[in-house]
């Protein structure tokens, strides 16, 4: 007779160790699932389709004459600013949808599947890069329709687009962290907007810095979004690469290095 003690099934822990290659494949599968969700519920794209159109038209025609004298002169200023503001704001959805899926028990069901535990989280962040791409393309298209002609050429426009998408993906790790630790999706959105609104509006995205009070100019100049906006303007308007591009990439890397481990650790504890 085998007298070894038997551990009840309820107290057993399932081991789910996956290789790096297996984790990457699972992550892309989960990203594909995220794209299928968008196809079945296209209203999820309202923010990345309507917001670039509305914001571009609204800011251009309301502030163009007051700030630059006419709309045409304002376009090289506002299109890069609207691009950064729109795409960065879109990254908030990553944390909100993550919290909603966790509240619905979707991630609990994923735990019963033979997949890497990290893949649902990584897949969600990968899928959202499609949203950033849509917002980026629509912003440039709207700018072109109303008369914006970037002097930097199509190559530098493409580099600027990739830069904004990469930085937005990095920012999405912050909001994913909020999505994991927050209790409700509405609280994720509220916390995220409290962070983003000062960063976007207290930057050089919409108005020249020299028109601001001196004490505010200091914050605007150290604001990371100001560096990103300046990098995009240098690329699309002048076809040049400056130190602001390097600073933006370093900032994106720092965000990922800090918040990716924090998010993964919090996610593993919650799931």
Protein backbone atom coordinates (compact mmCIF):
# COMPACT_ATOMS: atom_id res chain seq x y z
CA UNK A 1 0.00 0.00 0.00
CA UNK A 2 1.18 3.51 -0.83
CA UNK A 3 0.73 5.60 2.32
CA UNK A 4 1.92 8.89 0.83
CA UNK A 5 -0.38 11.80 1.77
CA UNK A 6 -2.71 13.02 -0.95
CA UNK A 7 -3.10 16.78 -1.35
CA UNK A 8 -6.69 17.82 -2.01
CA UNK A 9 -7.28 19.18 -5.51
CA UNK A 10 -8.42 22.54 -4.16
CA UNK A 11 -5.03 23.07 -2.50
CA UNK A 12 -2.89 22.05 -5.46
CA UNK A 13 -1.08 24.75 -7.39
CA UNK A 14 -0.89 24.35 -11.13
CA UNK A 15 2.57 24.87 -12.53
CA UNK A 16 2.58 26.98 -15.70
CA UNK A 17 6.13 27.40 -16.85
CA UNK A 18 6.50 28.50 -20.47
CA UNK A 19 9.58 29.05 -22.57
CA UNK A 20 10.32 32.48 -24.04
CA UNK A 21 9.33 31.36 -27.51
CA UNK A 22 6.08 29.87 -26.23
CA UNK A 23 5.32 33.08 -24.32
CA UNK A 24 5.92 35.21 -27.41
CA UNK A 25 3.64 33.03 -29.55
CA UNK A 26 0.93 33.13 -26.90
CA UNK A 27 1.27 36.92 -26.65
CA UNK A 28 0.73 37.36 -30.37
CA UNK A 29 -2.25 35.01 -30.19
CA UNK A 30 -3.75 37.16 -27.43
CA UNK A 31 -3.00 40.26 -29.51
CA UNK A 32 -4.95 38.70 -32.38
CA UNK A 33 -7.80 38.09 -29.96
CA UNK A 34 -7.73 41.79 -29.11
CA UNK A 35 -7.97 42.68 -32.80
CA UNK A 36 -10.93 40.33 -33.20
CA UNK A 37 -12.68 42.14 -30.34
CA UNK A 38 -12.23 45.40 -32.21
CA UNK A 39 -13.67 43.91 -35.41
CA UNK A 40 -16.72 42.60 -33.58
CA UNK A 41 -17.25 45.82 -31.60
CA UNK A 42 -16.03 48.59 -33.90
CA UNK A 43 -17.29 51.25 -31.49
CA UNK A 44 -14.04 50.62 -29.59
CA UNK A 45 -12.36 52.63 -32.35
CA UNK A 46 -14.48 55.73 -31.86
CA UNK A 47 -11.79 57.44 -29.78
CA UNK A 48 -8.99 56.82 -32.31
CA UNK A 49 -11.15 57.73 -35.33
CA UNK A 50 -13.31 60.62 -34.15
CA UNK A 51 -10.90 62.26 -31.71
CA UNK A 52 -8.15 63.01 -34.28
CA UNK A 53 -10.71 64.52 -36.65
CA UNK A 54 -12.57 66.60 -34.05
CA UNK A 55 -9.50 67.78 -32.15
CA UNK A 56 -7.58 68.69 -35.29
CA UNK A 57 -10.43 70.77 -36.70
CA UNK A 58 -11.38 72.32 -33.37
CA UNK A 59 -7.92 73.39 -32.21
CA UNK A 60 -6.83 74.53 -35.67
CA UNK A 61 -9.75 76.80 -36.42
CA UNK A 62 -10.29 78.09 -32.87
CA UNK A 63 -6.68 78.92 -31.98
CA UNK A 64 -5.01 79.28 -35.40
CA UNK A 65 -5.83 82.95 -35.95
CA UNK A 66 -5.25 83.98 -32.34
CA UNK A 67 -1.87 82.29 -31.97
CA UNK A 68 -0.27 82.36 -35.42
CA UNK A 69 -2.30 85.00 -37.22
CA UNK A 70 -3.88 82.51 -39.62
CA UNK A 71 -4.71 78.84 -39.85
CA UNK A 72 -2.06 77.99 -42.44
CA UNK A 73 0.77 79.30 -40.27
CA UNK A 74 -0.57 77.39 -37.26
CA UNK A 75 -0.66 73.98 -38.95
CA UNK A 76 3.09 73.18 -38.51
CA UNK A 77 2.63 73.92 -34.80
CA UNK A 78 -0.67 72.21 -34.07
CA UNK A 79 -0.52 69.02 -36.17
CA UNK A 80 2.50 67.55 -34.30
CA UNK A 81 0.97 68.72 -31.01
CA UNK A 82 -2.42 67.16 -31.76
CA UNK A 83 -0.69 63.98 -32.91
CA UNK A 84 1.14 63.54 -29.61
CA UNK A 85 -1.87 64.55 -27.51
CA UNK A 86 -4.27 62.23 -29.36
CA UNK A 87 -2.11 59.12 -29.45
CA UNK A 88 -0.85 59.46 -25.87
CA UNK A 89 -4.42 59.92 -24.63
CA UNK A 90 -5.46 56.81 -26.54
CA UNK A 91 -3.01 54.73 -24.47
CA UNK A 92 -5.26 55.21 -21.42
CA UNK A 93 -7.70 52.72 -22.96
CA UNK A 94 -5.15 49.95 -22.38
CA UNK A 95 -5.53 50.17 -18.60
CA UNK A 96 -9.30 50.70 -18.72
CA UNK A 97 -9.96 47.65 -20.89
CA UNK A 98 -7.52 45.57 -18.86
CA UNK A 99 -9.43 46.39 -15.67
CA UNK A 100 -12.77 45.61 -17.38
CA UNK A 101 -11.51 42.20 -18.56
CA UNK A 102 -10.23 41.38 -15.08
CA UNK A 103 -13.56 42.41 -13.52
CA UNK A 104 -15.45 40.18 -15.98
CA UNK A 105 -13.33 37.17 -15.06
CA UNK A 106 -11.75 36.89 -18.50
CA UNK A 107 -8.26 36.51 -17.06
CA UNK A 108 -9.51 33.88 -14.61
CA UNK A 109 -10.58 31.77 -17.57
CA UNK A 110 -7.20 32.28 -19.22
CA UNK A 111 -5.54 30.69 -16.16
CA UNK A 112 -7.18 27.37 -17.02
CA UNK A 113 -5.59 27.35 -20.49
CA UNK A 114 -2.14 25.90 -21.27
CA UNK A 115 -0.69 29.32 -22.11
CA UNK A 116 1.93 31.56 -20.58
CA UNK A 117 0.35 33.57 -17.77
CA UNK A 118 1.91 36.79 -19.01
CA UNK A 119 0.55 36.46 -22.57
CA UNK A 120 -2.93 38.01 -21.97
CA UNK A 121 -1.28 41.15 -20.57
CA UNK A 122 1.40 41.34 -23.26
CA UNK A 123 -1.15 40.62 -25.99
CA UNK A 124 -3.40 43.45 -24.86
CA UNK A 125 -0.54 45.95 -25.06
CA UNK A 126 0.51 44.66 -28.48
CA UNK A 127 -3.00 44.90 -29.89
CA UNK A 128 -3.31 48.51 -28.80
CA UNK A 129 -0.43 49.54 -31.06
CA UNK A 130 -2.93 49.15 -33.91
CA UNK A 131 -5.09 51.80 -32.24
CA UNK A 132 -2.10 54.15 -31.97
CA UNK A 133 -1.33 53.60 -35.66
CA UNK A 134 -4.89 54.45 -36.69
CA UNK A 135 -4.88 57.66 -34.62
CA UNK A 136 -1.48 58.64 -36.06
CA UNK A 137 -2.50 58.11 -39.68
CA UNK A 138 -5.83 59.92 -39.27
CA UNK A 139 -4.16 62.96 -37.67
CA UNK A 140 -1.75 63.35 -40.58
CA UNK A 141 -4.54 62.76 -43.09
CA UNK A 142 -6.74 65.43 -41.48
CA UNK A 143 -3.80 67.81 -41.45
CA UNK A 144 -3.18 67.18 -45.14
CA UNK A 145 -6.87 67.74 -45.97
CA UNK A 146 -6.91 71.17 -44.31
CA UNK A 147 -3.66 72.22 -45.97
CA UNK A 148 -0.72 70.93 -43.93
CA UNK A 149 2.31 69.98 -46.03
CA UNK A 150 5.21 68.62 -43.95
CA UNK A 151 8.51 69.88 -45.36
CA UNK A 152 10.45 66.99 -43.87
CA UNK A 153 9.22 64.52 -46.47
CA UNK A 154 7.43 61.21 -46.21
CA UNK A 155 10.43 59.42 -44.71
CA UNK A 156 10.70 61.75 -41.73
CA UNK A 157 6.92 61.71 -41.31
CA UNK A 158 7.12 57.91 -41.03
CA UNK A 159 9.92 58.17 -38.45
CA UNK A 160 7.86 60.67 -36.44
CA UNK A 161 4.85 58.33 -36.57
CA UNK A 162 6.91 55.39 -35.31
CA UNK A 163 8.39 57.56 -32.56
CA UNK A 164 4.95 58.58 -31.30
CA UNK A 165 3.67 54.99 -31.43
CA UNK A 166 6.70 53.69 -29.51
CA UNK A 167 6.39 56.38 -26.83
CA UNK A 168 2.64 55.77 -26.53
CA UNK A 169 3.25 52.04 -26.12
CA UNK A 170 5.73 52.83 -23.37
CA UNK A 171 3.18 55.10 -21.66
CA UNK A 172 0.58 52.33 -21.88
CA UNK A 173 2.62 50.35 -19.32
CA UNK A 174 1.84 53.06 -16.76
CA UNK A 175 -1.89 52.81 -17.41
CA UNK A 176 -1.72 49.02 -17.52
CA UNK A 177 -0.22 49.16 -14.04
CA UNK A 178 -3.16 51.30 -12.88
CA UNK A 179 -5.49 48.81 -14.57
CA UNK A 180 -4.06 45.94 -12.56
CA UNK A 181 -3.99 47.63 -9.15
CA UNK A 182 -7.15 49.78 -9.38
CA UNK A 183 -10.55 48.52 -8.24
CA UNK A 184 -12.70 49.83 -11.09
CA UNK A 185 -12.29 50.84 -14.73
CA UNK A 186 -13.65 54.31 -13.99
CA UNK A 187 -10.96 54.89 -11.37
CA UNK A 188 -8.29 53.88 -13.90
CA UNK A 189 -9.60 56.45 -16.35
CA UNK A 190 -9.88 59.12 -13.68
CA UNK A 191 -6.33 58.63 -12.38
CA UNK A 192 -4.93 58.50 -15.92
CA UNK A 193 -6.61 61.72 -16.98
CA UNK A 194 -5.38 63.52 -13.86
CA UNK A 195 -1.86 62.65 -15.00
CA UNK A 196 -2.29 63.28 -18.73
CA UNK A 197 -4.21 66.55 -18.75
CA UNK A 198 -1.49 68.60 -17.01
CA UNK A 199 1.22 66.94 -19.12
CA UNK A 200 -0.52 67.63 -22.44
CA UNK A 201 -1.89 71.11 -21.82
CA UNK A 202 1.13 72.34 -19.84
CA UNK A 203 3.41 71.58 -22.77
CA UNK A 204 4.41 73.21 -26.04
CA UNK A 205 1.83 71.19 -27.98
CA UNK A 206 -0.64 74.02 -28.61
CA UNK A 207 0.99 77.38 -27.87
CA UNK A 208 4.51 78.86 -27.98
CA UNK A 209 6.36 78.50 -24.70
CA UNK A 210 7.51 82.14 -24.68
CA UNK A 211 3.91 83.33 -24.26
CA UNK A 212 3.65 81.65 -20.86
CA UNK A 213 4.65 83.01 -17.43
CA UNK A 214 8.31 82.39 -16.57
CA UNK A 215 7.50 80.03 -13.69
CA UNK A 216 5.38 77.92 -16.04
CA UNK A 217 7.98 77.91 -18.80
CA UNK A 218 10.32 75.95 -16.53
CA UNK A 219 7.80 73.11 -16.16
CA UNK A 220 6.95 73.11 -19.87
CA UNK A 221 10.61 72.80 -20.83
CA UNK A 222 11.19 69.77 -18.58
CA UNK A 223 7.85 68.19 -19.49
CA UNK A 224 8.65 64.93 -21.38
CA UNK A 225 5.74 65.50 -23.75
CA UNK A 226 7.28 68.83 -24.78
CA UNK A 227 10.42 66.96 -25.85
CA UNK A 228 8.32 64.50 -27.83
CA UNK A 229 6.35 67.27 -29.54
CA UNK A 230 9.56 69.12 -30.42
CA UNK A 231 11.11 65.92 -31.81
CA UNK A 232 8.06 65.35 -34.02
CA UNK A 233 8.09 68.96 -35.23
CA UNK A 234 11.79 68.76 -36.09
CA UNK A 235 11.18 65.59 -38.10
CA UNK A 236 8.03 66.51 -40.03
CA UNK A 237 8.64 70.25 -40.51
CA UNK A 238 12.41 70.38 -40.99
CA UNK A 239 13.52 66.81 -41.66
CA UNK A 240 16.03 67.03 -38.81
CA UNK A 241 16.86 64.80 -35.87
CA UNK A 242 17.69 66.61 -32.66
CA UNK A 243 18.42 65.86 -29.04
CA UNK A 244 14.70 65.86 -28.24
CA UNK A 245 14.27 62.61 -30.16
CA UNK A 246 17.02 60.97 -28.11
CA UNK A 247 15.50 62.30 -24.88
CA UNK A 248 12.07 60.95 -25.89
CA UNK A 249 13.44 57.48 -26.61
CA UNK A 250 15.42 57.44 -23.36
CA UNK A 251 12.29 58.51 -21.47
CA UNK A 252 10.25 55.76 -23.12
CA UNK A 253 12.89 53.18 -22.21
CA UNK A 254 12.97 54.37 -18.59
CA UNK A 255 9.18 54.07 -18.34
CA UNK A 256 9.26 50.51 -19.66
CA UNK A 257 12.15 49.52 -17.39
CA UNK A 258 10.28 50.82 -14.33
CA UNK A 259 6.64 50.04 -15.05
CA UNK A 260 6.85 46.80 -17.04
CA UNK A 261 8.25 44.80 -14.07
CA UNK A 262 5.85 46.54 -11.65
CA UNK A 263 2.87 45.74 -13.89
CA UNK A 264 3.91 42.14 -14.46
CA UNK A 265 4.52 41.58 -10.74
CA UNK A 266 1.17 43.10 -9.78
CA UNK A 267 -0.56 41.16 -12.55
CA UNK A 268 0.94 37.85 -11.40
CA UNK A 269 -0.24 38.48 -7.84
CA UNK A 270 -3.78 39.35 -8.97
CA UNK A 271 -4.11 36.39 -11.31
